[in-house]
Amino acid sequence: RTLSRLTNQTRSRKRRSSPAAPTPRLTREMKVSRIREQLRTTISKVRTGGQSRLETVAVKPPTAKDYKNRLKRFDDFCNRNQLDTDTEHELDLALLEFFDEMFLDKEPLDVGTKTLAAVGDRRPEFYRSSRSGKLPRARRALQGWGKVDPLAARLPLPWPVVLALAAVAAMLKDLKLCIAILVAADGYLRPTDLLDIQPEDVTAGHGRLGPEFRHTTVLLAPFQRGKSTKTNEFNDSVIFDTQGREWIGEALAVLAKKAPPGKKLFQLSISQFNKAMKDLAEKLKITEMEVVPYLLRHSGPSQDYLAKLRTLPDIQKRGGWRSPESVRRYEKAARVMSRLTLLNEAQLAFCQHACLHIRALANGLPVPKDMSEALHRI
């Protein structure tokens, strides 16, 4: 007993003397310090016509990688066709030639627009050339390209289809995926913002303190982590207060309470999320709807406008869109409704079951027998 008591005292002292976990502020400072050290070991290319250290981190790594690939394709085209790009006039003409060839090769419009953005990143004097008035012929060529062959936007999913996807995830015993789908759609979340959520970012409602405190909230891109949203914002928040869908926030709060802090709540990468959504679409046999995670961000607003739950300004504010033009698409409810014509009777029947039972499924309750039979009939 004496030996046991001494051992326990030693363990207790070790626990008390262990270093405290870094504070959130320190975590962000550590990230900044790491980036600073990385930049310290790189060579500034300002004097050789390249980018400075800080310019290299002006865009996020995935965007920088995409720009690098697009610039290589454009540079290879210029070398192959002996086109100079030193002056603005030469660059303008080279882009004209490049856009013509890409269009004739049946490439989508974003090949042109993203190449122009990559050029602006490499040569900042042409950054956002539409505002500066530079590269006028290249911009006019893109205008013509967009008029003849506009970039097709994926239509949002009808709300019953969103619920059907979430229901299938729950039926496959993947409750996290089920709730992720519902939260992304109801909260208008980008996939990256959704997957970055940690349990401590979720605050459950406290209705007993007053009606204004009864809804679950989520903090997006906390400043202390040093990672912003796509629009370079920190400390964004989403309140899960949609009329009739408050239970989605409640299910999220329950999931967060059970999850270990300091780790990603949904434990999914973007590629895993993409694959999971495609697998669910195959289960429902709706692959022609081109189901991808980003559609969820647009499906919630579409449903809210259709059901008259929110106005376009409300939708714009909730989704963080900077321009009113970005939310005009949600006025076209008929186009979204037309997607229901792609479903057969068995699929429509399962969607009806999903609308009735999704709340119970998201809370981990058993799957009704008739719902399992409905899925089997698809």
Protein backbone atom coordinates (compact mmCIF):
# COMPACT_ATOMS: atom_id res chain seq x y z
CA ARG A 1 0.00 0.00 0.00
CA THR A 2 2.88 2.35 0.83
CA LEU A 3 4.50 1.66 -2.56
CA SER A 4 1.15 2.25 -4.30
CA ARG A 5 0.67 5.55 -2.45
CA LEU A 6 4.17 6.74 -3.43
CA THR A 7 3.57 5.77 -7.07
CA ASN A 8 0.28 7.71 -7.15
CA GLN A 9 1.97 10.78 -5.61
CA THR A 10 4.70 10.63 -8.25
CA ARG A 11 2.12 10.42 -11.05
CA SER A 12 0.20 13.33 -9.54
CA ARG A 13 3.35 15.48 -9.44
CA LYS A 14 4.06 14.63 -13.09
CA ARG A 15 0.56 15.68 -14.10
CA ARG A 16 0.86 18.97 -12.21
CA SER A 17 4.29 19.71 -13.64
CA SER A 18 3.38 18.91 -17.26
CA PRO A 19 3.44 22.00 -19.47
CA ALA A 20 0.09 23.67 -20.04
CA ALA A 21 -1.49 23.41 -23.47
CA PRO A 22 -0.72 26.45 -25.59
CA THR A 23 -3.36 29.15 -25.48
CA PRO A 24 -5.25 29.87 -28.71
CA ARG A 25 -3.31 33.13 -29.10
CA LEU A 26 -0.03 31.28 -28.75
CA THR A 27 -1.18 28.72 -31.33
CA ARG A 28 -1.68 31.47 -33.89
CA GLU A 29 1.66 33.07 -32.99
CA MET A 30 3.33 29.70 -33.47
CA LYS A 31 1.81 29.39 -36.94
CA VAL A 32 2.97 32.89 -37.90
CA SER A 33 6.42 32.11 -36.54
CA ARG A 34 6.56 28.92 -38.59
CA ILE A 35 5.66 30.79 -41.78
CA ARG A 36 8.20 33.49 -40.95
CA GLU A 37 10.93 30.86 -40.55
CA GLN A 38 9.94 29.24 -43.83
CA LEU A 39 10.16 32.57 -45.62
CA ARG A 40 13.51 33.27 -43.95
CA THR A 41 14.98 30.21 -45.68
CA THR A 42 13.65 31.19 -49.11
CA ILE A 43 15.38 33.56 -51.48
CA SER A 44 13.69 36.81 -52.46
CA LYS A 45 13.46 37.09 -56.25
CA VAL A 46 12.63 40.79 -56.38
CA ARG A 47 15.95 41.80 -57.97
CA THR A 48 15.61 39.15 -60.66
CA GLY A 49 12.08 40.14 -61.59
CA GLY A 50 10.32 37.56 -59.42
CA GLN A 51 8.13 37.74 -56.32
CA SER A 52 9.15 38.86 -52.86
CA ARG A 53 8.82 36.53 -49.92
CA LEU A 54 5.54 38.08 -48.79
CA GLU A 55 4.10 38.11 -52.30
CA THR A 56 4.48 34.33 -52.42
CA VAL A 57 2.02 33.98 -49.53
CA ALA A 58 -0.52 36.50 -50.86
CA VAL A 59 -2.69 33.61 -52.05
CA LYS A 60 -3.32 30.28 -50.37
CA PRO A 61 -1.12 27.29 -51.32
CA PRO A 62 -3.79 25.46 -53.39
CA THR A 63 -4.44 28.64 -55.40
CA ALA A 64 -0.72 29.24 -55.84
CA LYS A 65 -0.30 25.68 -57.14
CA ASP A 66 -3.21 26.13 -59.56
CA TYR A 67 -1.76 29.43 -60.83
CA LYS A 68 1.64 27.80 -61.33
CA ASN A 69 0.13 25.04 -63.49
CA ARG A 70 -1.90 27.52 -65.55
CA LEU A 71 1.08 29.79 -66.11
CA LYS A 72 3.18 26.83 -67.25
CA ARG A 73 0.52 25.93 -69.80
CA PHE A 74 0.38 29.53 -71.04
CA ASP A 75 4.18 29.86 -71.13
CA ASP A 76 4.52 26.60 -73.06
CA PHE A 77 1.98 27.91 -75.57
CA CYS A 78 3.92 31.17 -75.96
CA ASN A 79 7.25 29.36 -76.40
CA ARG A 80 5.75 26.96 -78.91
CA ASN A 81 4.34 29.81 -80.96
CA GLN A 82 7.28 32.19 -80.42
CA LEU A 83 5.15 34.84 -78.73
CA ASP A 84 6.73 37.56 -76.61
CA THR A 85 5.03 38.76 -73.43
CA ASP A 86 7.40 41.45 -72.16
CA THR A 87 5.21 44.49 -72.79
CA GLU A 88 1.52 44.89 -72.06
CA HIS A 89 0.73 44.97 -75.79
CA GLU A 90 2.67 41.74 -76.42
CA LEU A 91 1.03 40.03 -73.44
CA ASP A 92 -2.41 41.17 -74.61
CA LEU A 93 -1.84 39.67 -78.07
CA ALA A 94 -0.42 36.43 -76.62
CA LEU A 95 -3.49 36.00 -74.43
CA LEU A 96 -5.72 36.57 -77.46
CA GLU A 97 -3.98 33.74 -79.32
CA PHE A 98 -4.12 31.49 -76.27
CA PHE A 99 -7.82 32.12 -75.63
CA ASP A 100 -8.67 31.43 -79.27
CA GLU A 101 -6.89 28.07 -79.19
CA MET A 102 -8.43 27.07 -75.85
CA PHE A 103 -11.92 27.94 -77.10
CA LEU A 104 -11.45 25.98 -80.35
CA ASP A 105 -10.18 23.04 -78.28
CA LYS A 106 -13.53 23.09 -76.39
CA GLU A 107 -11.99 24.14 -73.10
CA PRO A 108 -14.39 25.76 -70.55
CA LEU A 109 -14.45 29.50 -69.96
CA ASP A 110 -12.71 29.26 -66.59
CA VAL A 111 -9.50 28.19 -68.36
CA GLY A 112 -9.39 31.71 -69.72
CA THR A 113 -10.52 33.58 -66.62
CA LYS A 114 -8.20 31.69 -64.29
CA THR A 115 -5.24 32.08 -66.63
CA LEU A 116 -5.84 35.84 -66.60
CA ALA A 117 -5.96 35.73 -62.78
CA ALA A 118 -2.69 33.77 -62.73
CA VAL A 119 -1.06 36.37 -64.98
CA GLY A 120 -2.21 39.07 -62.55
CA ASP A 121 -0.66 37.17 -59.66
CA ARG A 122 2.70 36.91 -61.43
CA ARG A 123 2.59 40.48 -62.72
CA PRO A 124 0.62 42.60 -60.22
CA GLU A 125 0.32 45.52 -62.63
CA PHE A 126 -2.30 43.38 -64.40
CA TYR A 127 -4.05 42.26 -61.20
CA ARG A 128 -7.81 42.81 -61.62
CA SER A 129 -7.24 44.26 -65.05
CA SER A 130 -10.97 44.99 -65.43
CA ARG A 131 -10.56 47.77 -62.85
CA SER A 132 -7.30 49.13 -64.19
CA GLY A 133 -8.39 48.99 -67.83
CA LYS A 134 -5.30 46.97 -68.81
CA LEU A 135 -5.23 44.03 -71.26
CA PRO A 136 -8.42 45.33 -72.91
CA ARG A 137 -8.43 42.95 -75.88
CA ALA A 138 -7.87 39.86 -73.71
CA ARG A 139 -10.78 40.89 -71.49
CA ARG A 140 -12.96 41.52 -74.53
CA ALA A 141 -12.06 38.07 -75.87
CA LEU A 142 -13.20 36.54 -72.58
CA GLN A 143 -16.44 38.50 -72.91
CA GLY A 144 -17.00 36.95 -76.33
CA TRP A 145 -16.08 33.49 -75.02
CA GLY A 146 -18.59 33.85 -72.20
CA LYS A 147 -21.31 35.03 -74.56
CA VAL A 148 -20.90 32.11 -76.95
CA ASP A 149 -20.14 29.38 -74.40
CA PRO A 150 -20.89 30.55 -70.84
CA LEU A 151 -19.62 28.50 -67.95
CA ALA A 152 -22.46 26.22 -66.93
CA ALA A 153 -23.34 26.55 -63.27
CA ARG A 154 -24.44 23.45 -61.40
CA LEU A 155 -28.00 23.84 -60.21
CA PRO A 156 -28.69 23.46 -56.48
CA LEU A 157 -30.22 20.24 -55.26
CA PRO A 158 -33.92 20.25 -54.34
CA TRP A 159 -34.27 20.12 -50.56
CA PRO A 160 -35.89 16.64 -50.52
CA VAL A 161 -32.82 15.31 -52.36
CA VAL A 162 -30.51 16.89 -49.76
CA LEU A 163 -32.49 15.16 -47.01
CA ALA A 164 -32.41 11.88 -48.94
CA LEU A 165 -28.60 12.03 -49.18
CA ALA A 166 -28.34 12.72 -45.45
CA ALA A 167 -30.79 9.93 -44.70
CA VAL A 168 -28.79 7.37 -46.69
CA ALA A 169 -25.65 8.40 -44.79
CA ALA A 170 -27.47 7.79 -41.49
CA MET A 171 -28.78 4.45 -42.74
CA LEU A 172 -25.19 3.48 -43.52
CA LYS A 173 -24.29 4.24 -39.86
CA ASP A 174 -22.33 7.36 -40.76
CA LEU A 175 -23.98 9.89 -38.48
CA LYS A 176 -21.16 12.42 -38.87
CA LEU A 177 -21.61 12.49 -42.64
CA CYS A 178 -25.36 12.81 -42.22
CA ILE A 179 -25.01 15.83 -39.95
CA ALA A 180 -22.25 17.34 -42.11
CA ILE A 181 -24.59 17.33 -45.13
CA LEU A 182 -27.41 18.95 -43.16
CA VAL A 183 -25.15 21.58 -41.53
CA ALA A 184 -23.51 22.52 -44.85
CA ALA A 185 -26.89 23.00 -46.54
CA ASP A 186 -28.68 24.76 -43.69
CA GLY A 187 -25.70 26.98 -42.83
CA TYR A 188 -24.72 27.80 -46.47
CA LEU A 189 -21.19 26.60 -45.67
CA ARG A 190 -18.33 26.13 -48.06
CA PRO A 191 -16.89 22.60 -47.77
CA THR A 192 -13.55 23.88 -46.44
CA ASP A 193 -15.24 25.96 -43.72
CA LEU A 194 -17.46 23.02 -42.77
CA LEU A 195 -14.59 20.56 -42.47
CA ASP A 196 -12.49 22.98 -40.40
CA ILE A 197 -15.08 23.11 -37.62
CA GLN A 198 -13.82 21.83 -34.26
CA PRO A 199 -16.07 20.83 -31.34
CA GLU A 200 -15.19 23.95 -29.34
CA ASP A 201 -16.46 26.14 -32.22
CA VAL A 202 -20.00 24.89 -31.61
CA THR A 203 -22.09 26.52 -28.87
CA ALA A 204 -25.35 24.84 -27.95
CA GLY A 205 -28.42 26.97 -27.38
CA HIS A 206 -29.63 27.88 -23.88
CA GLY A 207 -33.33 28.56 -24.25
CA ARG A 208 -33.87 29.01 -20.51
CA LEU A 209 -31.81 32.21 -20.68
CA GLY A 210 -34.17 33.76 -23.19
CA PRO A 211 -35.44 33.21 -26.74
CA GLU A 212 -32.45 35.00 -28.27
CA PHE A 213 -30.12 32.34 -26.78
CA ARG A 214 -32.02 29.23 -27.79
CA HIS A 215 -30.25 28.48 -31.09
CA THR A 216 -26.97 26.65 -31.75
CA THR A 217 -24.18 28.81 -33.15
CA VAL A 218 -20.93 27.96 -34.93
CA LEU A 219 -17.80 30.11 -35.06
CA LEU A 220 -16.03 29.88 -38.42
CA ALA A 221 -12.32 30.60 -38.90
CA PRO A 222 -11.44 31.62 -35.32
CA PHE A 223 -8.78 34.30 -35.45
CA GLN A 224 -6.48 32.47 -33.04
CA ARG A 225 -6.00 29.57 -35.50
CA GLY A 226 -4.65 31.89 -38.15
CA LYS A 227 -6.67 30.36 -41.00
CA SER A 228 -9.23 32.61 -42.68
CA THR A 229 -12.25 31.78 -44.80
CA LYS A 230 -12.06 31.89 -48.59
CA THR A 231 -12.92 35.60 -48.47
CA ASN A 232 -10.13 36.25 -45.92
CA GLU A 233 -12.52 36.74 -43.03
CA PHE A 234 -12.05 35.63 -39.43
CA ASN A 235 -14.56 34.96 -36.65
CA ASP A 236 -17.59 34.52 -38.89
CA SER A 237 -20.60 33.03 -37.17
CA VAL A 238 -23.64 31.06 -38.26
CA ILE A 239 -26.82 30.78 -36.20
CA PHE A 240 -28.90 27.68 -36.86
CA ASP A 241 -32.24 29.39 -36.52
CA THR A 242 -33.99 28.49 -39.78
CA GLN A 243 -37.69 28.10 -39.07
CA GLY A 244 -38.53 24.41 -38.85
CA ARG A 245 -34.89 23.35 -39.08
CA GLU A 246 -33.60 24.39 -35.66
CA TRP A 247 -33.12 20.69 -34.89
CA ILE A 248 -30.13 20.60 -37.27
CA GLY A 249 -28.20 22.87 -34.93
CA GLU A 250 -29.30 20.79 -31.96
CA ALA A 251 -28.02 17.59 -33.61
CA LEU A 252 -24.73 19.36 -34.37
CA ALA A 253 -24.39 20.45 -30.73
CA VAL A 254 -24.94 16.88 -29.51
CA LEU A 255 -22.30 15.58 -31.93
CA ALA A 256 -19.81 18.28 -30.87
CA LYS A 257 -20.35 17.54 -27.17
CA LYS A 258 -19.33 13.91 -27.70
CA ALA A 259 -16.28 14.69 -29.86
CA PRO A 260 -12.75 15.22 -28.49
CA PRO A 261 -11.72 18.91 -28.45
CA GLY A 262 -8.89 20.25 -30.56
CA LYS A 263 -9.61 18.01 -33.53
CA LYS A 264 -11.70 18.38 -36.66
CA LEU A 265 -15.30 17.52 -35.83
CA PHE A 266 -16.18 15.63 -39.02
CA GLN A 267 -12.77 13.99 -39.59
CA LEU A 268 -13.05 14.27 -43.38
CA SER A 269 -10.76 15.61 -46.06
CA ILE A 270 -12.17 17.37 -49.13
CA SER A 271 -11.40 14.36 -51.33
CA GLN A 272 -13.09 12.01 -48.84
CA PHE A 273 -16.13 14.29 -48.69
CA ASN A 274 -16.33 14.34 -52.48
CA LYS A 275 -16.13 10.56 -52.68
CA ALA A 276 -18.69 10.11 -49.92
CA MET A 277 -21.18 12.36 -51.71
CA LYS A 278 -20.68 10.49 -54.99
CA ASP A 279 -21.20 7.17 -53.22
CA LEU A 280 -24.47 8.42 -51.71
CA ALA A 281 -25.60 9.65 -55.13
CA GLU A 282 -24.90 6.21 -56.57
CA LYS A 283 -26.98 4.61 -53.81
CA LEU A 284 -29.88 6.86 -54.80
CA LYS A 285 -29.04 6.49 -58.52
CA ILE A 286 -28.93 10.26 -59.07
CA THR A 287 -25.43 10.55 -60.51
CA GLU A 288 -26.82 12.67 -63.37
CA MET A 289 -27.37 15.46 -60.81
CA GLU A 290 -23.55 15.73 -60.46
CA VAL A 291 -23.68 15.71 -56.68
CA VAL A 292 -20.65 17.41 -55.09
CA PRO A 293 -20.25 18.98 -51.63
CA TYR A 294 -20.26 22.55 -52.93
CA LEU A 295 -23.85 22.13 -54.15
CA LEU A 296 -24.96 21.99 -50.52
CA ARG A 297 -23.94 25.63 -50.02
CA HIS A 298 -26.37 26.62 -52.77
CA SER A 299 -29.15 24.18 -51.94
CA GLY A 300 -30.01 25.75 -48.58
CA PRO A 301 -30.47 29.28 -49.97
CA SER A 302 -32.53 27.95 -52.85
CA GLN A 303 -34.90 26.18 -50.45
CA ASP A 304 -35.12 29.17 -48.13
CA TYR A 305 -36.09 31.54 -50.94
CA LEU A 306 -38.54 29.04 -52.41
CA ALA A 307 -40.21 28.49 -49.02
CA LYS A 308 -40.15 32.25 -48.29
CA LEU A 309 -38.06 31.70 -45.16
CA ARG A 310 -35.51 34.37 -46.08
CA THR A 311 -35.25 37.34 -48.43
CA LEU A 312 -32.38 37.70 -50.88
CA PRO A 313 -30.59 40.28 -48.63
CA ASP A 314 -30.95 37.85 -45.70
CA ILE A 315 -29.53 35.03 -47.84
CA GLN A 316 -26.63 37.22 -48.97
CA LYS A 317 -25.74 38.12 -45.38
CA ARG A 318 -26.01 34.54 -44.09
CA GLY A 319 -23.86 33.12 -46.88
CA GLY A 320 -21.28 35.90 -46.84
CA TRP A 321 -21.73 36.82 -50.50
CA ARG A 322 -20.35 40.28 -51.16
CA SER A 323 -22.47 41.16 -54.17
CA PRO A 324 -26.27 41.08 -54.49
CA GLU A 325 -25.75 39.64 -57.97
CA SER A 326 -24.31 36.49 -56.40
CA VAL A 327 -27.68 35.57 -54.87
CA ARG A 328 -29.91 36.43 -57.85
CA ARG A 329 -29.67 32.81 -58.97
CA TYR A 330 -31.90 31.75 -56.08
CA GLU A 331 -34.83 33.61 -57.62
CA LYS A 332 -34.96 30.94 -60.33
CA ALA A 333 -36.82 28.38 -58.25
CA ALA A 334 -38.41 26.76 -61.30
CA ARG A 335 -35.02 25.55 -62.54
CA VAL A 336 -34.32 23.83 -59.24
CA MET A 337 -37.81 22.32 -59.13
CA SER A 338 -37.26 20.97 -62.65
CA ARG A 339 -34.53 18.71 -61.27
CA LEU A 340 -37.21 16.70 -59.52
CA THR A 341 -38.32 15.52 -62.96
CA LEU A 342 -35.11 13.48 -63.07
CA LEU A 343 -36.43 11.27 -60.26
CA ASN A 344 -38.58 8.20 -60.79
CA GLU A 345 -41.44 7.13 -58.51
CA ALA A 346 -39.23 4.99 -56.27
CA GLN A 347 -36.76 7.83 -55.76
CA LEU A 348 -39.55 10.32 -55.03
CA ALA A 349 -41.04 7.88 -52.50
CA PHE A 350 -37.70 7.60 -50.69
CA CYS A 351 -37.34 11.41 -50.66
CA GLN A 352 -40.76 11.55 -49.00
CA HIS A 353 -39.58 9.10 -46.33
CA ALA A 354 -36.45 11.22 -45.82
CA CYS A 355 -38.53 14.35 -45.25
CA LEU A 356 -40.55 12.52 -42.61
CA HIS A 357 -37.76 10.72 -40.76
CA ILE A 358 -34.53 12.69 -41.22
CA ARG A 359 -34.78 14.43 -37.84
CA ALA A 360 -35.02 11.11 -36.04
CA LEU A 361 -32.19 9.61 -38.10
CA ALA A 362 -29.93 12.59 -37.43
CA ASN A 363 -30.45 11.97 -33.73
CA GLY A 364 -29.36 8.35 -34.05
CA LEU A 365 -32.78 6.70 -33.84
CA PRO A 366 -33.44 3.39 -35.65
CA VAL A 367 -34.31 3.34 -39.35
CA PRO A 368 -38.00 2.60 -39.99
CA LYS A 369 -38.55 -0.68 -41.80
CA ASP A 370 -40.63 0.86 -44.57
CA MET A 371 -37.82 3.36 -45.25
CA SER A 372 -35.27 0.57 -45.69
CA GLU A 373 -37.65 -1.12 -48.08
CA ALA A 374 -38.09 2.14 -50.01
CA LEU A 375 -34.32 2.46 -50.47
CA HIS A 376 -34.11 -1.14 -51.60
CA ARG A 377 -36.73 -0.46 -54.31
CA ILE A 378 -34.64 2.28 -55.96
